[in-house]
Protein backbone atom coordinates (compact mmCIF):
# COMPACT_ATOMS: atom_id res chain seq x y z
CA MET A 1 9.19 62.62 152.31
CA SER A 2 10.36 62.87 148.67
CA GLU A 3 13.32 64.95 148.56
CA ALA A 4 11.91 68.42 146.88
CA ALA A 5 13.71 71.65 146.57
CA THR A 6 13.64 74.00 149.98
CA PRO A 7 11.88 76.91 149.05
CA GLU A 8 12.21 80.32 149.85
CA ALA A 9 10.90 81.16 153.68
CA ASP A 10 7.76 82.72 153.19
CA THR A 11 7.66 85.65 155.66
CA GLU A 12 3.95 86.70 155.84
CA ALA A 13 3.16 83.30 156.27
CA ARG A 14 5.40 82.57 158.89
CA ASP A 15 4.43 85.59 161.13
CA LEU A 16 0.97 84.81 160.71
CA LEU A 17 1.23 81.60 162.05
CA GLU A 18 3.47 82.68 164.48
CA ALA A 19 1.68 85.17 165.55
CA VAL A 20 -1.40 82.95 166.15
CA VAL A 21 0.48 79.96 167.68
CA ARG A 22 1.28 82.95 170.68
CA ILE A 23 -2.27 83.06 171.45
CA PRO A 24 -3.37 80.10 173.44
CA SER A 25 -7.12 79.15 172.27
CA VAL A 26 -8.21 76.24 174.21
CA SER A 27 -11.91 74.92 173.50
CA ARG A 28 -14.17 77.81 174.21
CA ASN A 29 -11.64 80.49 174.75
CA GLU A 30 -10.94 81.01 170.92
CA ARG A 31 -11.80 84.91 170.61
CA GLU A 32 -8.24 86.10 170.99
CA ALA A 33 -6.50 84.19 168.30
CA ALA A 34 -9.79 84.67 165.97
CA GLU A 35 -9.77 88.58 166.29
CA GLN A 36 -5.14 88.09 165.22
CA LEU A 37 -7.11 86.42 162.36
CA VAL A 38 -9.62 88.92 161.50
CA GLU A 39 -6.66 91.26 161.65
CA PHE A 40 -5.34 89.66 158.82
CA PHE A 41 -7.99 90.22 156.33
CA GLU A 42 -9.23 93.54 157.40
CA ALA A 43 -5.25 94.19 156.64
CA HIS A 44 -6.32 92.90 153.28
CA GLY A 45 -9.14 94.57 152.26
CA ARG A 46 -10.77 91.63 152.77
CA GLU A 47 -14.76 91.44 154.54
CA VAL A 48 -15.07 90.07 157.80
CA TRP A 49 -16.79 89.41 161.09
CA LEU A 50 -17.16 87.02 163.78
CA ASP A 51 -20.25 85.24 163.57
CA GLU A 52 -21.82 84.12 166.77
CA VAL A 53 -20.37 81.58 167.83
CA GLY A 54 -17.23 83.13 167.25
CA ASN A 55 -16.44 81.32 163.50
CA VAL A 56 -14.49 83.28 161.60
CA ARG A 57 -15.86 84.46 158.38
CA ALA A 58 -14.23 85.91 155.67
CA PRO A 59 -16.26 84.97 152.14
CA ALA A 60 -15.39 85.54 148.56
CA ASP A 61 -15.26 83.16 146.06
CA ASP A 62 -17.40 79.85 146.74
CA GLY A 63 -15.12 77.95 143.89
CA VAL A 64 -13.52 76.93 146.83
CA LEU A 65 -14.11 77.06 150.70
CA LEU A 66 -10.92 76.94 152.45
CA THR A 67 -11.54 76.21 156.39
CA SER A 68 -10.24 74.72 159.58
CA HIS A 69 -10.18 74.95 163.31
CA ILE A 70 -8.68 77.34 165.71
CA ASP A 71 -9.29 75.38 169.31
CA THR A 72 -6.84 73.83 169.97
CA VAL A 73 -6.68 71.01 173.13
CA PRO A 74 -4.88 71.73 176.54
CA GLY A 75 -0.74 71.67 177.55
CA ASP A 76 1.17 74.52 177.27
CA ILE A 77 4.36 74.14 174.93
CA PRO A 78 6.46 77.17 174.92
CA VAL A 79 6.67 79.07 172.05
CA ARG A 80 9.70 79.52 169.77
CA ILE A 81 11.72 79.01 166.75
CA GLU A 82 14.73 75.78 167.17
CA GLU A 83 17.37 76.83 163.85
CA THR A 84 18.12 73.20 163.13
CA ASP A 85 20.35 71.87 160.10
CA GLU A 86 17.03 71.13 158.12
CA GLY A 87 15.15 74.72 158.61
CA ASP A 88 13.73 76.45 161.93
CA VAL A 89 10.91 74.03 163.48
CA LEU A 90 7.80 76.67 165.42
CA TRP A 91 7.36 74.78 169.00
CA GLY A 92 3.96 75.57 170.40
CA ARG A 93 0.59 73.99 170.98
CA GLY A 94 -2.09 73.78 168.34
CA SER A 95 1.43 74.91 165.80
CA VAL A 96 0.70 71.03 164.30
CA ASP A 97 -2.73 70.65 165.19
CA ALA A 98 -4.27 72.71 163.80
CA LYS A 99 -2.59 76.55 163.76
CA GLY A 100 -0.46 75.22 160.89
CA PRO A 101 -3.33 74.42 158.74
CA LEU A 102 -5.39 77.27 158.98
CA CYS A 103 -2.46 80.07 158.60
CA ALA A 104 -1.71 78.65 155.04
CA MET A 105 -5.04 78.30 154.29
CA ALA A 106 -6.06 81.84 155.70
CA VAL A 107 -3.24 82.97 153.32
CA ALA A 108 -4.24 80.90 150.14
CA ALA A 109 -6.90 82.55 151.27
CA VAL A 110 -6.55 86.18 150.84
CA ARG A 111 -4.11 85.11 147.09
CA THR A 112 -6.11 83.33 145.78
CA GLY A 113 -10.01 85.45 146.61
CA ALA A 114 -11.06 81.94 148.16
CA SER A 115 -13.58 82.20 150.84
CA PHE A 116 -12.21 81.78 154.33
CA ILE A 117 -13.52 80.21 157.58
CA GLY A 118 -11.78 79.64 161.16
CA VAL A 119 -14.44 77.71 163.33
CA VAL A 120 -14.27 76.82 166.97
CA GLY A 121 -14.55 73.93 168.96
CA GLU A 122 -13.74 71.11 166.78
CA GLU A 123 -11.47 69.71 169.49
CA VAL A 124 -15.09 69.62 172.00
CA ASP A 125 -17.99 68.64 170.17
CA SER A 126 -17.76 70.60 166.32
CA LYS A 127 -19.89 73.98 167.15
CA GLY A 128 -18.91 76.03 164.86
CA ALA A 129 -18.89 73.51 161.57
CA ARG A 130 -22.46 72.18 162.89
CA PHE A 131 -23.24 76.19 163.63
CA LEU A 132 -21.79 76.92 159.38
CA VAL A 133 -23.71 73.89 158.08
CA GLU A 134 -27.49 74.79 159.78
CA ASP A 135 -26.11 79.16 159.13
CA ARG A 136 -25.42 78.51 154.66
CA ASP A 137 -27.80 78.77 152.25
CA SER A 138 -25.58 76.85 149.92
CA ALA A 139 -22.81 74.59 149.37
CA PRO A 140 -19.88 75.45 148.29
CA ASP A 141 -18.13 74.32 145.03
CA ALA A 142 -15.05 72.90 146.80
CA VAL A 143 -14.74 71.81 150.82
CA ILE A 144 -10.38 72.47 151.77
CA ASN A 145 -10.85 70.97 155.22
CA GLY A 146 -7.69 71.52 157.43
CA GLU A 147 -5.75 69.76 159.81
CA PRO A 148 -2.22 68.14 159.43
CA SER A 149 -1.64 65.67 156.53
CA GLY A 150 1.81 66.14 155.70
CA TRP A 151 2.28 68.30 153.00
CA GLU A 152 2.40 65.54 150.43
CA GLY A 153 -0.57 64.06 152.01
CA ILE A 154 -4.26 64.37 151.21
CA THR A 155 -6.82 62.79 153.07
CA LEU A 156 -9.51 61.63 151.87
CA GLY A 157 -11.80 59.42 154.34
CA TYR A 158 -12.11 59.70 157.78
CA ARG A 159 -13.74 57.48 160.45
CA GLY A 160 -17.33 58.23 162.25
CA LEU A 161 -17.84 58.37 165.67
CA LEU A 162 -20.65 57.10 167.78
CA ALA A 163 -20.68 58.34 171.89
CA GLY A 164 -22.80 57.28 174.70
CA THR A 165 -23.10 56.77 178.30
CA TYR A 166 -24.12 53.19 179.88
CA VAL A 167 -26.40 53.50 182.99
CA ALA A 168 -27.57 50.72 185.60
CA THR A 169 -28.99 50.49 188.69
CA SER A 170 -29.16 47.04 190.28
CA GLU A 171 -30.09 45.83 194.35
CA SER A 172 -27.52 45.39 197.01
CA GLY A 173 -26.92 42.67 198.23
CA HIS A 174 -23.43 40.55 199.71
CA SER A 175 -20.63 40.13 197.55
CA SER A 176 -21.58 36.34 197.76
CA ARG A 177 -24.50 36.53 195.72
CA PRO A 178 -24.60 34.47 192.56
CA GLU A 179 -26.83 37.27 190.72
CA ASN A 180 -24.79 39.91 188.60
CA ASN A 181 -24.92 43.63 189.79
CA ALA A 182 -24.77 46.61 187.92
CA ILE A 183 -21.21 46.98 187.54
CA GLN A 184 -20.99 43.09 185.91
CA ASP A 185 -23.62 44.39 183.69
CA ALA A 186 -21.81 47.36 182.39
CA ILE A 187 -18.43 45.07 182.34
CA ASP A 188 -20.74 41.96 180.26
CA TRP A 189 -22.50 44.13 178.28
CA TRP A 190 -19.43 45.69 176.73
CA SER A 191 -16.87 43.11 176.43
CA SER A 192 -20.38 41.62 174.18
CA VAL A 193 -19.68 44.29 172.17
CA ASP A 194 -15.63 44.75 172.13
CA ASP A 195 -15.71 41.01 170.75
CA GLU A 196 -18.97 41.90 168.34
CA PHE A 197 -16.24 44.20 166.75
CA ASP A 198 -12.81 41.92 167.48
CA ASP A 199 -10.94 41.93 164.36
CA ASP A 200 -7.86 40.58 163.42
CA GLU A 201 -4.71 42.29 162.68
CA TRP A 202 -4.31 42.29 158.98
CA HIS A 203 -7.00 43.98 158.94
CA PRO A 204 -6.50 47.89 158.39
CA VAL A 205 -7.86 49.59 161.31
CA PHE A 206 -9.47 52.85 159.12
CA GLU A 207 -12.15 49.33 158.22
CA GLN A 208 -12.82 48.33 161.78
CA VAL A 209 -15.21 49.04 164.46
CA THR A 210 -12.81 50.04 167.73
CA CYS A 211 -14.57 50.60 171.13
CA LYS A 212 -13.33 52.39 173.78
CA PRO A 213 -14.42 52.86 177.44
CA VAL A 214 -13.38 56.51 177.93
CA GLU A 215 -14.85 56.77 181.75
CA PHE A 216 -16.24 54.84 184.00
CA GLU A 217 -18.17 54.79 187.62
CA GLY A 218 -19.22 52.03 190.19
CA GLY A 219 -20.41 51.20 193.57
CA PRO A 220 -23.21 51.47 196.34
CA SER A 221 -25.52 54.43 196.10
CA THR A 222 -25.70 57.66 198.27
CA ASP A 223 -28.78 55.40 200.47
CA GLY A 224 -27.06 52.56 199.80
CA LEU A 225 -30.01 50.57 198.91
CA SER A 226 -28.22 49.69 195.47
CA VAL A 227 -25.73 49.22 193.04
CA GLU A 228 -24.76 51.55 190.53
CA ALA A 229 -22.70 51.62 187.23
CA THR A 230 -22.27 54.39 184.58
CA MET A 231 -19.80 53.89 181.64
CA ASP A 232 -19.07 56.37 179.33
CA VAL A 233 -18.12 54.65 175.78
CA GLN A 234 -16.85 55.47 171.81
CA LEU A 235 -17.42 53.12 168.89
CA ARG A 236 -15.20 55.03 166.22
CA VAL A 237 -17.20 54.01 162.52
CA PRO A 238 -15.84 52.97 159.30
CA PRO A 239 -17.55 53.93 156.00
CA GLU A 240 -18.66 50.55 155.95
CA TYR A 241 -21.71 51.51 158.10
CA THR A 242 -23.82 54.12 159.33
CA THR A 243 -23.37 54.91 163.55
CA ASP A 244 -27.24 54.00 163.16
CA GLU A 245 -26.29 50.16 162.64
CA ILE A 246 -23.59 50.55 165.40
CA ARG A 247 -25.50 51.17 168.10
CA GLU A 248 -28.30 48.65 166.59
CA ILE A 249 -25.86 46.25 167.09
CA ALA A 250 -25.15 47.61 170.58
CA ASP A 251 -28.23 47.73 171.71
CA GLY A 252 -28.77 44.43 170.95
CA TYR A 253 -26.96 43.08 173.89
CA LEU A 254 -28.10 45.12 176.90
CA THR A 255 -29.86 43.23 179.55
CA ASN A 256 -30.02 45.05 181.73
CA GLY A 257 -29.26 49.02 182.40
CA THR A 258 -29.66 52.03 179.25
CA VAL A 259 -26.99 53.85 177.13
CA ASN A 260 -27.99 57.29 176.13
CA TRP A 261 -26.13 57.44 172.74
CA ASN A 262 -25.83 61.56 172.88
CA ASP A 263 -22.72 61.85 170.49
CA ARG A 264 -22.48 60.89 166.38
CA VAL A 265 -20.97 61.58 163.42
CA GLU A 266 -21.27 59.94 160.29
CA PRO A 267 -17.67 58.34 157.97
CA VAL A 268 -16.32 59.85 154.81
CA MET A 269 -14.92 58.50 152.08
CA GLN A 270 -14.35 60.84 149.00
CA SER A 271 -13.13 59.43 145.76
CA PRO A 272 -9.66 60.22 144.36
CA ARG A 273 -11.48 61.50 141.29
CA THR A 274 -12.80 63.96 142.32
CA SER A 275 -11.79 67.77 140.93
CA ALA A 276 -10.40 68.68 144.46
CA ALA A 277 -8.05 65.52 144.74
CA ARG A 278 -6.93 65.96 141.32
CA ALA A 279 -6.16 69.58 142.31
CA PHE A 280 -4.12 68.74 145.03
CA ARG A 281 -2.11 65.82 143.62
CA ALA A 282 -1.04 68.10 140.39
CA ALA A 283 -0.44 70.78 142.95
CA ILE A 284 2.01 68.56 145.16
CA ARG A 285 3.78 67.60 142.16
CA GLN A 286 4.52 70.82 140.96
CA GLN A 287 6.12 71.48 144.31
CA ASP A 288 8.38 68.25 143.57
CA GLY A 289 6.43 66.18 145.91
CA GLU A 290 4.88 62.93 145.67
CA PRO A 291 1.10 62.33 146.47
CA THR A 292 0.08 60.24 148.87
CA LEU A 293 -3.64 59.11 149.61
CA LEU A 294 -4.41 59.20 153.26
CA ARG A 295 -7.28 57.65 155.65
CA LYS A 296 -7.87 58.32 159.16
CA THR A 297 -8.61 56.74 162.30
CA GLY A 298 -10.02 59.68 163.99
CA THR A 299 -12.90 62.31 163.35
CA SER A 300 -13.24 65.49 161.95
CA ASP A 301 -14.86 68.96 160.84
CA MET A 302 -14.80 67.37 157.49
CA ASN A 303 -16.92 64.84 158.51
CA VAL A 304 -20.02 67.45 159.58
CA PHE A 305 -19.21 68.51 156.13
CA ALA A 306 -19.73 65.68 154.04
CA LYS A 307 -22.76 65.09 155.67
CA ALA A 308 -24.25 68.39 154.35
CA TRP A 309 -23.21 69.33 151.77
CA ASP A 310 -22.75 67.36 148.44
CA CYS A 311 -19.68 68.74 146.68
CA PRO A 312 -16.18 67.24 146.42
CA MET A 313 -13.69 68.08 149.34
CA VAL A 314 -10.31 66.94 150.57
CA THR A 315 -8.43 68.04 153.95
CA TYR A 316 -4.87 68.54 154.02
CA GLY A 317 -2.27 71.07 155.90
CA PRO A 318 1.20 70.92 157.17
CA GLY A 319 2.62 69.06 159.81
CA ASP A 320 3.33 65.26 161.08
CA SER A 321 -0.41 63.84 162.48
CA ASP A 322 1.74 61.62 165.06
CA LEU A 323 2.21 65.05 166.87
CA ASP A 324 -1.69 65.85 167.71
CA HIS A 325 -1.96 66.55 171.25
CA ALA A 326 1.69 65.57 171.78
CA PRO A 327 4.03 67.26 174.37
CA ASN A 328 6.31 67.46 171.57
CA GLU A 329 4.36 69.46 168.89
CA HIS A 330 6.20 71.06 167.14
CA LEU A 331 6.37 72.40 162.98
CA PRO A 332 9.00 72.11 159.93
CA LEU A 333 8.69 75.70 158.55
CA ASP A 334 9.63 74.61 155.59
CA GLU A 335 6.94 72.09 155.03
CA TYR A 336 4.43 74.67 156.39
CA ASP A 337 5.95 77.54 153.20
CA ARG A 338 5.15 74.44 150.91
CA ALA A 339 1.89 73.66 152.07
CA VAL A 340 1.40 77.00 150.99
CA ALA A 341 2.53 76.90 148.49
CA VAL A 342 0.51 74.00 147.33
CA LEU A 343 -2.59 75.57 148.60
CA GLU A 344 -2.01 78.47 146.48
CA THR A 345 -2.05 76.34 143.22
CA ALA A 346 -4.46 73.76 144.50
CA ALA A 347 -7.21 75.99 145.33
CA GLY A 348 -6.68 78.42 141.81
CA ARG A 349 -6.64 75.33 140.05
CA LEU A 350 -10.44 74.58 140.96
CA LEU A 351 -11.00 78.05 140.81
CA GLU A 352 -10.54 78.51 137.09
CA ASP A 353 -12.18 75.82 136.49
């Protein structure tokens, strides 16, 4: 982080953040935290409601849509504000991912008149974002998606995701037999896929296809007449590919068994020259920061929005993304204050265009 003057504490913004972080909102249990956001917008005279999937909808000037997710992963981190030599720090699950960005955007929305939507389910299936793109009649002029980037960071790209379940069955037999059983077939298939996308260590991770098995079950069937293997797998997809292209390559290595590809999210890479990216660079510099353009190796709701809407977009928000889902998740409140100021300035610029 570059040297920048410490901003004055943004009491309103900090109060909202602490209140929302104190409310647990693990995926599929976001309603109480969502209602806290509704109260905030109602107190500022804004139209607001919860839609049928639980998103917080506060429409206004669609020149900018500010959006972030309400849900968090599980994890009980006692909520507290710690005083340090560098300033106050808020500890708690979701302080970084992504209630810091979420609340900063809510505050910026009421101060600039931008549209706001707090979505549900980002950590599991992007239910809120998927519903949103189907429910809206048209795209906003620009989208600012909320995820931690650090107050000087502007995220322009995310890899996509291809996920599925491999299933194979073979006849049972003595372990001395030379033929593959289903477990070996599963291992051989996945090893071939992993080898196909094996990259040298100098190739940036963002530009690689990375392969991860996330769950495996294998062994004799209940009746003892066969051997079964089931493996859940995920492949992260860089913008060089589509998920269909990766699926075709992976399917080409099947010799036994099948794969049910049950989730796919396309990669996204935005230009640094869009109106949204320019607005954030200028706003960060106005706060005496040095803008940094980022590419993230995971996925976010920005992938969903970019597939549906042809408009400028970036992802932005306070917090160190290395603390996402971590047991020591915490957010320096000075950084949060700066991010609120950056969002106000950037959104204001975009609304004036």
